[in-house]
Amino acid sequence: MAEGISVGKLNPFGSFGINDLAFILLIFFIAVIIVGLIGLAIFLYIQRKKLKYTIPLYKKMGNNTIRVATYKARDFNISMAGDKLWYVPKAKKYIPVGTVQTAPNEYTHFEREDGEWINISMPDIDEKMKQFSVKYVHQDMRAQRISTSDILESRFKDKKSWWEKYGHLVTHVIFYMIVMIGLVVIFYQWSDIVTQTSQLIGKIESLQETMKTTGVPKEVGVKPANSFIPIISVLFYRSKKDKKIKNGKYS
């Protein structure tokens, strides 16, 4: 007789426990949050790139015209024919498209008394000074420039460069390093120098003994002032003795 099929076997999630299901839901929600954050970052980046126009806003405050804020604006299409305005999100204001640039993608605006923003350009200061007959070099301005120059010179005259401060120390260190290296080399080679000196003294002593046995005159000897004289004397004496023996005159 065939076994009956239980309800638990028909449930595909019957093998999952509560803990397993909670873990799966946790992973799902974490993935949703990560994807949402990535999408939000992309959206904010795109919106930021759309704000490609910089609008410095000037306004008259008292008797002076000052800059009160700097805004960013983006295009806002108002028709299918390409007509558009500029929308300033921070000020929540729609303004006409600017035509006068004061810098790349920068359109300076001035706010009038009625609150309207108008696109302006920077005035020609040279032309204004010529119109009002303002001298370019004024005595007070020149005196102020000379005074400023004197103040800067007095403040920075004692300021020395790095080499002026530490140059003598660097040269002394290099000098002592060279001296120490030379001393190390000398001490390292000192044993060889002593050995060579001992060999030289031994050769000189053997040479003197040879001169005594061959009968070299006493006035011909090894002199420190000229070490080649004994060798030349021995050679000359031997040559003279050989000639006498050859001629039968030497006894």
C-alpha atoms as a PDB file:
ATOM      1  CA  MET A   1       0.000   0.000   0.000  1.00  0.00           C
ATOM      2  CA  ALA A   2       1.487   3.382  -1.025  1.00  0.00           C
ATOM      3  CA  GLU A   3       2.654   5.711   1.678  1.00  0.00           C
ATOM      4  CA  GLY A   4       0.667   8.897   2.131  1.00  0.00           C
ATOM      5  CA  ILE A   5       2.207  12.281   1.227  1.00  0.00           C
ATOM      6  CA  SER A   6       2.390  14.602   4.194  1.00  0.00           C
ATOM      7  CA  VAL A   7       1.718  18.319   4.058  1.00  0.00           C
ATOM      8  CA  GLY A   8       5.266  19.078   5.260  1.00  0.00           C
ATOM      9  CA  LYS A   9       6.753  17.449   2.178  1.00  0.00           C
ATOM     10  CA  LEU A  10       4.620  19.585  -0.130  1.00  0.00           C
ATOM     11  CA  ASN A  11       6.007  22.805   1.479  1.00  0.00           C
ATOM     12  CA  PRO A  12       9.267  23.765  -0.324  1.00  0.00           C
ATOM     13  CA  PHE A  13      10.373  25.823   2.725  1.00  0.00           C
ATOM     14  CA  GLY A  14       9.699  23.004   5.132  1.00  0.00           C
ATOM     15  CA  SER A  15      13.399  22.145   5.383  1.00  0.00           C
ATOM     16  CA  PHE A  16      14.274  25.727   6.420  1.00  0.00           C
ATOM     17  CA  GLY A  17      14.150  26.708  10.006  1.00  0.00           C
ATOM     18  CA  ILE A  18      13.283  30.063  11.525  1.00  0.00           C
ATOM     19  CA  ASN A  19      16.948  30.982  11.904  1.00  0.00           C
ATOM     20  CA  ASP A  20      17.740  30.166   8.274  1.00  0.00           C
ATOM     21  CA  LEU A  21      14.836  32.257   7.034  1.00  0.00           C
ATOM     22  CA  ALA A  22      15.839  35.188   9.227  1.00  0.00           C
ATOM     23  CA  PHE A  23      19.422  35.006   7.902  1.00  0.00           C
ATOM     24  CA  ILE A  24      18.178  35.025   4.292  1.00  0.00           C
ATOM     25  CA  LEU A  25      15.956  38.036   4.979  1.00  0.00           C
ATOM     26  CA  LEU A  26      18.860  39.847   6.635  1.00  0.00           C
ATOM     27  CA  ILE A  27      21.101  39.256   3.607  1.00  0.00           C
ATOM     28  CA  PHE A  28      18.286  40.432   1.324  1.00  0.00           C
ATOM     29  CA  PHE A  29      17.744  43.658   3.254  1.00  0.00           C
ATOM     30  CA  ILE A  30      21.492  44.374   3.381  1.00  0.00           C
ATOM     31  CA  ALA A  31      21.721  43.897  -0.388  1.00  0.00           C
ATOM     32  CA  VAL A  32      18.728  46.214  -0.898  1.00  0.00           C
ATOM     33  CA  ILE A  33      20.325  48.880   1.323  1.00  0.00           C
ATOM     34  CA  ILE A  34      23.678  48.640  -0.509  1.00  0.00           C
ATOM     35  CA  VAL A  35      22.021  48.864  -3.933  1.00  0.00           C
ATOM     36  CA  GLY A  36      19.895  51.786  -2.707  1.00  0.00           C
ATOM     37  CA  LEU A  37      22.966  53.671  -1.406  1.00  0.00           C
ATOM     38  CA  ILE A  38      24.786  53.130  -4.701  1.00  0.00           C
ATOM     39  CA  GLY A  39      21.756  54.367  -6.631  1.00  0.00           C
ATOM     40  CA  LEU A  40      21.445  57.409  -4.349  1.00  0.00           C
ATOM     41  CA  ALA A  41      25.126  58.255  -4.810  1.00  0.00           C
ATOM     42  CA  ILE A  42      24.768  58.023  -8.594  1.00  0.00           C
ATOM     43  CA  PHE A  43      21.640  60.196  -8.504  1.00  0.00           C
ATOM     44  CA  LEU A  44      23.310  62.876  -6.368  1.00  0.00           C
ATOM     45  CA  TYR A  45      26.364  62.844  -8.649  1.00  0.00           C
ATOM     46  CA  ILE A  46      24.212  63.354 -11.726  1.00  0.00           C
ATOM     47  CA  GLN A  47      22.266  66.168 -10.054  1.00  0.00           C
ATOM     48  CA  ARG A  48      25.526  67.817  -8.997  1.00  0.00           C
ATOM     49  CA  LYS A  49      26.878  67.628 -12.537  1.00  0.00           C
ATOM     50  CA  LYS A  50      23.722  69.327 -13.783  1.00  0.00           C
ATOM     51  CA  LEU A  51      24.501  72.359 -11.573  1.00  0.00           C
ATOM     52  CA  LYS A  52      27.162  73.574 -13.974  1.00  0.00           C
ATOM     53  CA  TYR A  53      26.586  77.335 -13.753  1.00  0.00           C
ATOM     54  CA  THR A  54      28.085  79.470 -10.992  1.00  0.00           C
ATOM     55  CA  ILE A  55      26.214  82.639 -10.063  1.00  0.00           C
ATOM     56  CA  PRO A  56      27.922  85.139  -7.723  1.00  0.00           C
ATOM     57  CA  LEU A  57      25.187  87.415  -6.417  1.00  0.00           C
ATOM     58  CA  TYR A  58      25.928  91.037  -5.497  1.00  0.00           C
ATOM     59  CA  LYS A  59      23.700  93.393  -3.609  1.00  0.00           C
ATOM     60  CA  LYS A  60      23.900  96.939  -2.334  1.00  0.00           C
ATOM     61  CA  MET A  61      24.261  96.958   1.429  1.00  0.00           C
ATOM     62  CA  GLY A  62      24.364 100.490   2.777  1.00  0.00           C
ATOM     63  CA  ASN A  63      26.608 102.503   0.488  1.00  0.00           C
ATOM     64  CA  ASN A  64      28.647  99.516  -0.708  1.00  0.00           C
ATOM     65  CA  THR A  65      28.012  96.767  -3.216  1.00  0.00           C
ATOM     66  CA  ILE A  66      29.069  93.435  -1.780  1.00  0.00           C
ATOM     67  CA  ARG A  67      28.747  89.808  -2.743  1.00  0.00           C
ATOM     68  CA  VAL A  68      26.107  88.194  -0.577  1.00  0.00           C
ATOM     69  CA  ALA A  69      26.175  84.625  -1.908  1.00  0.00           C
ATOM     70  CA  THR A  70      27.385  82.278  -4.608  1.00  0.00           C
ATOM     71  CA  TYR A  71      24.803  79.943  -6.124  1.00  0.00           C
ATOM     72  CA  LYS A  72      24.782  77.026  -8.533  1.00  0.00           C
ATOM     73  CA  ALA A  73      22.183  76.806 -11.293  1.00  0.00           C
ATOM     74  CA  ARG A  74      21.063  74.269 -13.873  1.00  0.00           C
ATOM     75  CA  ASP A  75      19.039  74.282 -17.076  1.00  0.00           C
ATOM     76  CA  PHE A  76      15.247  74.006 -16.870  1.00  0.00           C
ATOM     77  CA  ASN A  77      13.442  73.292 -20.121  1.00  0.00           C
ATOM     78  CA  ILE A  78      10.112  75.066 -20.557  1.00  0.00           C
ATOM     79  CA  SER A  79       9.169  73.933 -24.059  1.00  0.00           C
ATOM     80  CA  MET A  80       9.869  71.321 -26.685  1.00  0.00           C
ATOM     81  CA  ALA A  81      11.431  73.978 -28.923  1.00  0.00           C
ATOM     82  CA  GLY A  82      14.553  74.306 -26.762  1.00  0.00           C
ATOM     83  CA  ASP A  83      13.470  77.289 -24.667  1.00  0.00           C
ATOM     84  CA  LYS A  84      14.806  77.143 -21.160  1.00  0.00           C
ATOM     85  CA  LEU A  85      15.397  78.986 -17.941  1.00  0.00           C
ATOM     86  CA  TRP A  86      17.911  78.573 -15.166  1.00  0.00           C
ATOM     87  CA  TYR A  87      16.803  77.093 -11.877  1.00  0.00           C
ATOM     88  CA  VAL A  88      18.701  77.960  -8.688  1.00  0.00           C
ATOM     89  CA  PRO A  89      17.815  75.210  -6.168  1.00  0.00           C
ATOM     90  CA  LYS A  90      19.346  76.876  -3.135  1.00  0.00           C
ATOM     91  CA  ALA A  91      17.427  80.111  -3.719  1.00  0.00           C
ATOM     92  CA  LYS A  92      14.385  78.297  -5.244  1.00  0.00           C
ATOM     93  CA  LYS A  93      14.325  80.840  -8.046  1.00  0.00           C
ATOM     94  CA  TYR A  94      13.942  80.731 -11.825  1.00  0.00           C
ATOM     95  CA  ILE A  95      16.017  83.296 -13.720  1.00  0.00           C
ATOM     96  CA  PRO A  96      16.647  84.031 -17.404  1.00  0.00           C
ATOM     97  CA  VAL A  97      19.608  82.429 -19.081  1.00  0.00           C
ATOM     98  CA  GLY A  98      22.752  84.484 -18.492  1.00  0.00           C
ATOM     99  CA  THR A  99      24.651  85.925 -21.454  1.00  0.00           C
ATOM    100  CA  VAL A 100      27.575  87.821 -19.865  1.00  0.00           C
ATOM    101  CA  GLN A 101      30.367  85.680 -18.416  1.00  0.00           C
ATOM    102  CA  THR A 102      32.904  86.901 -15.877  1.00  0.00           C
ATOM    103  CA  ALA A 103      34.720  83.520 -15.817  1.00  0.00           C
ATOM    104  CA  PRO A 104      34.216  80.100 -17.433  1.00  0.00           C
ATOM    105  CA  ASN A 105      30.606  79.076 -16.619  1.00  0.00           C
ATOM    106  CA  GLU A 106      30.350  81.969 -14.173  1.00  0.00           C
ATOM    107  CA  TYR A 107      27.644  84.601 -14.599  1.00  0.00           C
ATOM    108  CA  THR A 108      27.705  87.460 -12.115  1.00  0.00           C
ATOM    109  CA  HIS A 109      24.287  88.812 -11.086  1.00  0.00           C
ATOM    110  CA  PHE A 110      23.144  91.865  -9.181  1.00  0.00           C
ATOM    111  CA  GLU A 111      19.981  91.952  -7.108  1.00  0.00           C
ATOM    112  CA  ARG A 112      18.047  95.178  -7.565  1.00  0.00           C
ATOM    113  CA  GLU A 113      15.863  96.871  -4.976  1.00  0.00           C
ATOM    114  CA  ASP A 114      12.778  95.125  -6.376  1.00  0.00           C
ATOM    115  CA  GLY A 115      14.432  91.695  -5.920  1.00  0.00           C
ATOM    116  CA  GLU A 116      15.071  91.085  -9.616  1.00  0.00           C
ATOM    117  CA  TRP A 117      18.356  89.412 -10.586  1.00  0.00           C
ATOM    118  CA  ILE A 118      20.154  90.914 -13.588  1.00  0.00           C
ATOM    119  CA  ASN A 119      23.234  89.597 -15.310  1.00  0.00           C
ATOM    120  CA  ILE A 120      26.069  92.158 -15.139  1.00  0.00           C
ATOM    121  CA  SER A 121      29.715  92.444 -16.148  1.00  0.00           C
ATOM    122  CA  MET A 122      32.657  93.897 -14.286  1.00  0.00           C
ATOM    123  CA  PRO A 123      33.253  97.579 -15.096  1.00  0.00           C
ATOM    124  CA  ASP A 124      36.422  98.828 -16.757  1.00  0.00           C
ATOM    125  CA  ILE A 125      38.262 100.381 -13.810  1.00  0.00           C
ATOM    126  CA  ASP A 126      40.850 102.083 -16.018  1.00  0.00           C
ATOM    127  CA  GLU A 127      38.145 103.767 -18.063  1.00  0.00           C
ATOM    128  CA  LYS A 128      36.314 104.874 -14.934  1.00  0.00           C
ATOM    129  CA  MET A 129      39.519 106.350 -13.493  1.00  0.00           C
ATOM    130  CA  LYS A 130      40.124 108.268 -16.724  1.00  0.00           C
ATOM    131  CA  GLN A 131      36.575 109.614 -16.703  1.00  0.00           C
ATOM    132  CA  PHE A 132      36.938 110.911 -13.146  1.00  0.00           C
ATOM    133  CA  SER A 133      40.516 112.163 -13.765  1.00  0.00           C
ATOM    134  CA  VAL A 134      41.997 109.913 -11.093  1.00  0.00           C
ATOM    135  CA  LYS A 135      45.811 109.753 -11.098  1.00  0.00           C
ATOM    136  CA  TYR A 136      47.269 106.282 -11.395  1.00  0.00           C
ATOM    137  CA  VAL A 137      50.170 107.046  -9.025  1.00  0.00           C
ATOM    138  CA  HIS A 138      49.123 108.960  -5.964  1.00  0.00           C
ATOM    139  CA  GLN A 139      51.566 110.315  -3.392  1.00  0.00           C
ATOM    140  CA  ASP A 140      49.766 108.628  -0.493  1.00  0.00           C
ATOM    141  CA  MET A 141      49.657 105.327  -2.364  1.00  0.00           C
ATOM    142  CA  ARG A 142      53.371 105.575  -3.161  1.00  0.00           C
ATOM    143  CA  ALA A 143      54.223 106.361   0.472  1.00  0.00           C
ATOM    144  CA  GLN A 144      52.131 103.405   1.606  1.00  0.00           C
ATOM    145  CA  ARG A 145      53.930 101.108  -0.853  1.00  0.00           C
ATOM    146  CA  ILE A 146      57.360 102.302   0.351  1.00  0.00           C
ATOM    147  CA  SER A 147      56.324 101.843   3.972  1.00  0.00           C
ATOM    148  CA  THR A 148      55.061  98.337   3.272  1.00  0.00           C
ATOM    149  CA  SER A 149      58.311  97.483   1.502  1.00  0.00           C
ATOM    150  CA  ASP A 150      60.356  98.695   4.475  1.00  0.00           C
ATOM    151  CA  ILE A 151      58.229  96.690   6.910  1.00  0.00           C
ATOM    152  CA  LEU A 152      58.608  93.506   4.885  1.00  0.00           C
ATOM    153  CA  GLU A 153      62.341  94.041   4.501  1.00  0.00           C
ATOM    154  CA  SER A 154      62.840  94.599   8.248  1.00  0.00           C
ATOM    155  CA  ARG A 155      60.774  91.530   9.054  1.00  0.00           C
ATOM    156  CA  PHE A 156      62.465  89.129   6.665  1.00  0.00           C
ATOM    157  CA  LYS A 157      66.030  90.460   6.587  1.00  0.00           C
ATOM    158  CA  ASP A 158      67.040  88.161   9.447  1.00  0.00           C
ATOM    159  CA  LYS A 159      65.425  85.172   7.808  1.00  0.00           C
ATOM    160  CA  LYS A 160      68.205  82.904   6.581  1.00  0.00           C
ATOM    161  CA  SER A 161      68.063  80.074   4.153  1.00  0.00           C
ATOM    162  CA  TRP A 162      68.674  76.483   5.174  1.00  0.00           C
ATOM    163  CA  TRP A 163      72.228  76.509   3.817  1.00  0.00           C
ATOM    164  CA  GLU A 164      73.075  79.728   5.627  1.00  0.00           C
ATOM    165  CA  LYS A 165      71.903  78.175   8.896  1.00  0.00           C
ATOM    166  CA  TYR A 166      73.382  74.702   8.594  1.00  0.00           C
ATOM    167  CA  GLY A 167      75.980  74.998   5.819  1.00  0.00           C
ATOM    168  CA  HIS A 168      78.974  75.231   8.165  1.00  0.00           C
ATOM    169  CA  LEU A 169      77.718  72.215  10.132  1.00  0.00           C
ATOM    170  CA  VAL A 170      77.346  70.167   6.951  1.00  0.00           C
ATOM    171  CA  THR A 171      80.863  71.072   5.784  1.00  0.00           C
ATOM    172  CA  HIS A 172      82.350  70.152   9.154  1.00  0.00           C
ATOM    173  CA  VAL A 173      80.550  66.818   9.158  1.00  0.00           C
ATOM    174  CA  ILE A 174      81.779  66.027   5.633  1.00  0.00           C
ATOM    175  CA  PHE A 175      85.363  67.002   6.585  1.00  0.00           C
ATOM    176  CA  TYR A 176      85.390  64.799   9.697  1.00  0.00           C
ATOM    177  CA  MET A 177      83.855  61.914   7.754  1.00  0.00           C
ATOM    178  CA  ILE A 178      86.629  62.133   5.171  1.00  0.00           C
ATOM    179  CA  VAL A 179      89.274  62.230   7.934  1.00  0.00           C
ATOM    180  CA  MET A 180      87.712  59.240   9.698  1.00  0.00           C
ATOM    181  CA  ILE A 181      87.540  57.256   6.463  1.00  0.00           C
ATOM    182  CA  GLY A 182      91.217  58.039   5.825  1.00  0.00           C
ATOM    183  CA  LEU A 183      92.170  56.923   9.344  1.00  0.00           C
ATOM    184  CA  VAL A 184      90.173  53.721   8.976  1.00  0.00           C
ATOM    185  CA  VAL A 185      91.954  52.925   5.713  1.00  0.00           C
ATOM    186  CA  ILE A 186      95.366  53.672   7.265  1.00  0.00           C
ATOM    187  CA  PHE A 187      94.732  51.504  10.335  1.00  0.00           C
ATOM    188  CA  TYR A 188      93.303  48.777   8.163  1.00  0.00           C
ATOM    189  CA  GLN A 189      96.481  48.760   6.058  1.00  0.00           C
ATOM    190  CA  TRP A 190      98.791  49.323   9.039  1.00  0.00           C
ATOM    191  CA  SER A 191      99.780  45.654   9.352  1.00  0.00           C
ATOM    192  CA  ASP A 192     100.774  45.546   5.681  1.00  0.00           C
ATOM    193  CA  ILE A 193     102.782  48.746   6.104  1.00  0.00           C
ATOM    194  CA  VAL A 194     104.649  47.306   9.120  1.00  0.00           C
ATOM    195  CA  THR A 195     105.311  44.064   7.246  1.00  0.00           C
ATOM    196  CA  GLN A 196     106.639  45.887   4.190  1.00  0.00           C
ATOM    197  CA  THR A 197     108.789  48.127   6.393  1.00  0.00           C
ATOM    198  CA  SER A 198     110.260  45.097   8.189  1.00  0.00           C
ATOM    199  CA  GLN A 199     111.040  43.459   4.866  1.00  0.00           C
ATOM    200  CA  LEU A 200     112.683  46.662   3.635  1.00  0.00           C
ATOM    201  CA  ILE A 201     114.822  46.925   6.791  1.00  0.00           C
ATOM    202  CA  GLY A 202     115.819  43.268   6.418  1.00  0.00           C
ATOM    203  CA  LYS A 203     116.850  43.830   2.815  1.00  0.00           C
ATOM    204  CA  ILE A 204     118.890  46.865   3.813  1.00  0.00           C
ATOM    205  CA  GLU A 205     120.661  44.859   6.549  1.00  0.00           C
ATOM    206  CA  SER A 206     121.370  41.980   4.176  1.00  0.00           C
ATOM    207  CA  LEU A 207     122.695  44.474   1.641  1.00  0.00           C
ATOM    208  CA  GLN A 208     125.036  45.948   4.240  1.00  0.00           C
ATOM    209  CA  GLU A 209     126.291  42.469   5.159  1.00  0.00           C
ATOM    210  CA  THR A 210     126.890  41.756   1.493  1.00  0.00           C
ATOM    211  CA  MET A 211     128.843  44.999   1.160  1.00  0.00           C
ATOM    212  CA  LYS A 212     131.010  44.048   4.142  1.00  0.00           C
ATOM    213  CA  THR A 213     131.779  40.570   2.784  1.00  0.00           C
ATOM    214  CA  THR A 214     132.638  41.885  -0.686  1.00  0.00           C
ATOM    215  CA  GLY A 215     134.977  44.561   0.682  1.00  0.00           C
ATOM    216  CA  VAL A 216     133.132  47.717  -0.195  1.00  0.00           C
ATOM    217  CA  PRO A 217     134.839  50.796   1.336  1.00  0.00           C
ATOM    218  CA  LYS A 218     133.359  52.110   4.547  1.00  0.00           C
ATOM    219  CA  GLU A 219     132.647  55.518   3.130  1.00  0.00           C
ATOM    220  CA  VAL A 220     130.252  53.877   0.690  1.00  0.00           C
ATOM    221  CA  GLY A 221     127.256  52.883   2.736  1.00  0.00           C
ATOM    222  CA  VAL A 222     123.543  53.142   2.996  1.00  0.00           C
ATOM    223  CA  LYS A 223     122.478  56.725   3.550  1.00  0.00           C
ATOM    224  CA  PRO A 224     118.894  57.581   4.311  1.00  0.00           C
ATOM    225  CA  ALA A 225     119.067  60.702   2.181  1.00  0.00           C
ATOM    226  CA  ASN A 226     119.722  58.656  -0.955  1.00  0.00           C
ATOM    227  CA  SER A 227     118.965  54.949  -0.891  1.00  0.00           C
ATOM    228  CA  PHE A 228     120.240  54.344  -4.434  1.00  0.00           C
ATOM    229  CA  ILE A 229     123.908  55.144  -3.640  1.00  0.00           C
ATOM    230  CA  PRO A 230     124.729  51.732  -2.007  1.00  0.00           C
ATOM    231  CA  ILE A 231     123.322  49.806  -4.940  1.00  0.00           C
ATOM    232  CA  ILE A 232     125.230  51.907  -7.474  1.00  0.00           C
ATOM    233  CA  SER A 233     128.438  51.600  -5.380  1.00  0.00           C
ATOM    234  CA  VAL A 234     128.173  47.793  -5.188  1.00  0.00           C
ATOM    235  CA  LEU A 235     127.575  47.480  -8.908  1.00  0.00           C
ATOM    236  CA  PHE A 236     130.475  49.829  -9.737  1.00  0.00           C
ATOM    237  CA  TYR A 237     132.848  48.029  -7.325  1.00  0.00           C
ATOM    238  CA  ARG A 238     131.994  44.576  -8.663  1.00  0.00           C
ATOM    239  CA  SER A 239     132.456  45.740 -12.248  1.00  0.00           C
ATOM    240  CA  LYS A 240     135.883  47.205 -11.406  1.00  0.00           C
ATOM    241  CA  LYS A 241     136.951  44.009  -9.560  1.00  0.00           C
ATOM    242  CA  ASP A 242     135.934  41.805 -12.518  1.00  0.00           C
ATOM    243  CA  LYS A 243     138.060  43.908 -14.859  1.00  0.00           C
ATOM    244  CA  LYS A 244     141.129  43.542 -12.628  1.00  0.00           C
ATOM    245  CA  ILE A 245     140.682  39.779 -12.394  1.00  0.00           C
ATOM    246  CA  LYS A 246     140.365  39.579 -16.172  1.00  0.00           C
ATOM    247  CA  ASN A 247     143.557  41.571 -16.696  1.00  0.00           C
ATOM    248  CA  GLY A 248     145.459  39.604 -14.001  1.00  0.00           C
ATOM    249  CA  LYS A 249     146.050  42.688 -11.877  1.00  0.00           C
ATOM    250  CA  TYR A 250     143.947  41.641  -8.898  1.00  0.00           C
ATOM    251  CA  SER A 251     145.528  39.577  -6.196  1.00  0.00           C
END
